[in-house]
Amino acid sequence: MTNEPIKEKGFHKLPEPVKGAVITVSDRCFNGKREDKSGPLAVSLLADFDVVCGDPVVIPDEVDQIQAAISQAVKDGARVVLTTGGTGVTPRDVTPEATAPLLAAELPGLAQQVVTYGLQKTPLAGLSRGLVGVTSKESDGAMVINAPGSSGGVRDTVTVLGPLVPHILEQLGGGDH
């Protein structure tokens, strides 16, 4: 046994920007009854971590549409897909159920980090059932993140997970960890 300190890998930036996608899951936004504020915020915040997204796609709280939107984003080359909305406990909150079958590996510790961070601000953060995971463990895999539909929830999610994106994407396909 050695007494040398354990060397931990530090945070680093992406070597180049990556393509991302933001999907707002909200019946009310889809039907024009509410303005989508969380989707554009997610696009802006992800840009700070070199994840470049187009405009958010707004879809209703429907499992098949959520799955289709995530799958299409990955097919179109997104390496990071962030959904906002549908992570609570109302009957229409189905984003985690739609996301789970698309993941090759869930990262529950990261989802818990987001909740823990949010709990420092509001007990409502504990209501989120959002998942974090990857669609494949190969180099073509994408990171999928379910954020709550609130602006605060999106901000907390990206604050926690944004710095981890380079390391996660680097690991896909066998990069160093």
Protein backbone atom coordinates (compact mmCIF):
# COMPACT_ATOMS: atom_id res chain seq x y z
CA MET A 1 0.00 0.00 0.00
CA THR A 2 1.32 3.40 -0.95
CA ASN A 3 0.77 6.69 0.83
CA GLU A 4 0.77 8.72 -2.37
CA PRO A 5 -2.33 10.80 -2.88
CA ILE A 6 -4.84 9.60 -5.42
CA LYS A 7 -4.67 11.65 -8.58
CA GLU A 8 -8.09 12.63 -9.81
CA LYS A 9 -8.82 13.65 -13.34
CA GLY A 10 -9.60 17.34 -13.50
CA PHE A 11 -12.30 19.08 -15.45
CA HIS A 12 -11.45 20.21 -18.93
CA LYS A 13 -13.24 21.80 -21.84
CA LEU A 14 -14.31 19.99 -24.96
CA PRO A 15 -11.56 19.98 -27.59
CA GLU A 16 -14.13 21.41 -30.00
CA PRO A 17 -17.82 22.27 -29.77
CA VAL A 18 -20.29 19.41 -30.06
CA LYS A 19 -23.78 19.31 -31.43
CA GLY A 20 -26.61 19.26 -28.92
CA ALA A 21 -30.38 19.33 -28.91
CA VAL A 22 -32.98 20.67 -26.50
CA ILE A 23 -36.47 19.20 -26.37
CA THR A 24 -39.20 20.93 -24.38
CA VAL A 25 -41.83 18.44 -23.24
CA SER A 26 -44.95 20.40 -22.37
CA ASP A 27 -48.57 20.12 -23.43
CA ARG A 28 -49.13 23.77 -22.55
CA CYS A 29 -46.15 25.07 -24.53
CA PHE A 30 -47.00 22.79 -27.45
CA ASN A 31 -50.59 24.09 -27.49
CA GLY A 32 -49.49 27.74 -27.24
CA LYS A 33 -50.96 28.23 -23.77
CA ARG A 34 -47.58 28.98 -22.21
CA GLU A 35 -44.35 30.45 -23.52
CA ASP A 36 -41.41 28.05 -23.53
CA LYS A 37 -38.85 29.67 -21.26
CA SER A 38 -36.89 26.63 -20.10
CA GLY A 39 -35.94 25.40 -23.59
CA PRO A 40 -34.28 28.63 -24.78
CA LEU A 41 -32.55 28.93 -21.40
CA ALA A 42 -31.14 25.40 -21.79
CA VAL A 43 -29.81 26.26 -25.26
CA SER A 44 -28.09 29.36 -23.86
CA LEU A 45 -26.62 27.59 -20.83
CA LEU A 46 -25.35 24.60 -22.82
CA ALA A 47 -23.54 26.98 -25.17
CA ASP A 48 -21.37 28.01 -22.21
CA PHE A 49 -20.06 24.43 -22.23
CA ASP A 50 -19.50 24.30 -26.02
CA VAL A 51 -22.68 22.29 -26.66
CA VAL A 52 -24.21 23.99 -29.68
CA CYS A 53 -27.96 23.59 -30.10
CA GLY A 54 -30.48 24.94 -32.54
CA ASP A 55 -33.86 26.17 -31.37
CA PRO A 56 -35.63 23.92 -28.88
CA VAL A 57 -38.14 21.43 -30.26
CA VAL A 58 -41.46 21.68 -28.41
CA ILE A 59 -43.53 18.51 -28.14
CA PRO A 60 -46.49 17.32 -26.03
CA ASP A 61 -46.21 14.96 -23.06
CA GLU A 62 -46.53 11.79 -25.14
CA VAL A 63 -44.15 8.82 -24.78
CA ASP A 64 -43.94 8.09 -28.51
CA GLN A 65 -43.24 11.73 -29.40
CA ILE A 66 -40.60 12.07 -26.68
CA GLN A 67 -38.85 8.92 -27.88
CA ALA A 68 -39.07 10.01 -31.51
CA ALA A 69 -37.62 13.46 -30.72
CA ILE A 70 -34.70 12.06 -28.70
CA SER A 71 -33.98 9.39 -31.33
CA GLN A 72 -34.11 11.95 -34.15
CA ALA A 73 -31.76 14.30 -32.31
CA VAL A 74 -29.22 11.49 -31.86
CA LYS A 75 -29.67 10.38 -35.49
CA ASP A 76 -28.99 13.99 -36.53
CA GLY A 77 -25.67 13.92 -34.66
CA ALA A 78 -26.46 15.40 -31.26
CA ARG A 79 -23.96 14.24 -28.62
CA VAL A 80 -25.93 15.89 -25.79
CA VAL A 81 -29.74 15.84 -25.70
CA LEU A 82 -31.44 17.74 -22.90
CA THR A 83 -35.17 17.40 -22.34
CA THR A 84 -36.96 19.88 -20.15
CA GLY A 85 -40.28 19.06 -18.56
CA GLY A 86 -42.28 15.97 -17.72
CA THR A 87 -40.16 14.77 -14.80
CA GLY A 88 -42.69 15.27 -12.00
CA VAL A 89 -45.54 13.13 -10.74
CA THR A 90 -48.60 14.37 -12.61
CA PRO A 91 -50.36 11.82 -14.81
CA ARG A 92 -48.88 13.48 -17.94
CA ASP A 93 -45.27 13.51 -16.63
CA VAL A 94 -43.80 10.66 -18.70
CA THR A 95 -40.38 11.90 -19.82
CA PRO A 96 -38.37 9.43 -17.68
CA GLU A 97 -40.55 6.53 -18.84
CA ALA A 98 -40.02 7.56 -22.46
CA THR A 99 -36.28 8.05 -22.02
CA ALA A 100 -35.37 4.87 -20.11
CA PRO A 101 -35.73 2.40 -23.03
CA LEU A 102 -33.41 4.57 -25.15
CA LEU A 103 -30.51 4.41 -22.70
CA ALA A 104 -27.74 1.83 -22.86
CA ALA A 105 -26.61 2.95 -19.41
CA GLU A 106 -28.21 5.18 -16.80
CA LEU A 107 -26.06 7.42 -14.63
CA PRO A 108 -28.18 7.64 -11.48
CA GLY A 109 -25.43 9.27 -9.46
CA LEU A 110 -25.49 12.25 -11.79
CA ALA A 111 -29.28 12.53 -11.57
CA GLN A 112 -28.91 12.47 -7.80
CA GLN A 113 -26.26 15.21 -7.93
CA VAL A 114 -28.73 17.44 -9.77
CA VAL A 115 -31.44 16.80 -7.16
CA THR A 116 -29.01 17.35 -4.28
CA TYR A 117 -27.87 20.64 -5.77
CA GLY A 118 -31.46 21.77 -6.28
CA LEU A 119 -32.46 20.84 -2.74
CA GLN A 120 -30.11 23.56 -1.49
CA LYS A 121 -32.59 26.03 -3.01
CA THR A 122 -36.01 24.40 -2.81
CA PRO A 123 -37.56 21.21 -1.44
CA LEU A 124 -39.45 20.93 -4.73
CA ALA A 125 -36.23 19.73 -6.40
CA GLY A 126 -36.84 16.36 -4.77
CA LEU A 127 -39.90 15.84 -6.97
CA SER A 128 -37.83 15.45 -10.14
CA ARG A 129 -37.56 11.93 -11.51
CA GLY A 130 -35.26 12.98 -14.34
CA LEU A 131 -32.81 10.46 -15.76
CA VAL A 132 -29.26 10.95 -16.98
CA GLY A 133 -27.65 8.36 -19.21
CA VAL A 134 -26.04 7.48 -22.51
CA THR A 135 -27.58 5.96 -25.62
CA SER A 136 -24.53 3.79 -26.29
CA LYS A 137 -21.20 3.12 -24.65
CA GLU A 138 -19.54 3.40 -28.06
CA SER A 139 -18.05 6.54 -29.60
CA ASP A 140 -21.36 7.33 -31.31
CA GLY A 141 -23.22 7.46 -27.99
CA ALA A 142 -25.03 10.55 -26.80
CA MET A 143 -25.63 11.85 -23.30
CA VAL A 144 -29.34 12.27 -22.54
CA ILE A 145 -30.44 14.49 -19.67
CA ASN A 146 -33.98 14.94 -18.33
CA ALA A 147 -34.25 18.34 -16.64
CA PRO A 148 -37.30 19.67 -14.82
CA GLY A 149 -39.47 22.09 -16.78
CA SER A 150 -38.74 25.10 -14.60
CA SER A 151 -36.07 27.65 -15.41
CA GLY A 152 -34.49 26.99 -12.00
CA GLY A 153 -34.45 23.25 -12.63
CA VAL A 154 -32.81 23.71 -16.03
CA ARG A 155 -30.24 26.10 -14.56
CA ASP A 156 -29.40 23.64 -11.75
CA THR A 157 -29.17 20.71 -14.17
CA VAL A 158 -26.78 22.44 -16.56
CA THR A 159 -24.73 23.92 -13.70
CA VAL A 160 -24.12 20.42 -12.33
CA LEU A 161 -23.79 18.43 -15.55
CA GLY A 162 -22.27 20.95 -17.98
CA PRO A 163 -18.73 20.61 -16.58
CA LEU A 164 -19.00 16.79 -16.81
CA VAL A 165 -19.94 16.63 -20.50
CA PRO A 166 -16.33 16.49 -21.82
CA HIS A 167 -15.39 13.64 -19.49
CA ILE A 168 -18.51 11.61 -20.26
CA LEU A 169 -18.19 12.03 -24.02
CA GLU A 170 -14.49 11.17 -23.79
CA GLN A 171 -15.32 7.90 -22.01
CA LEU A 172 -17.75 6.79 -24.69
CA GLY A 173 -15.92 4.43 -26.98
CA GLY A 174 -13.25 3.66 -24.41
CA GLY A 175 -11.55 6.95 -23.58
CA ASP A 176 -9.51 7.34 -20.45
CA HIS A 177 -11.28 7.69 -17.12
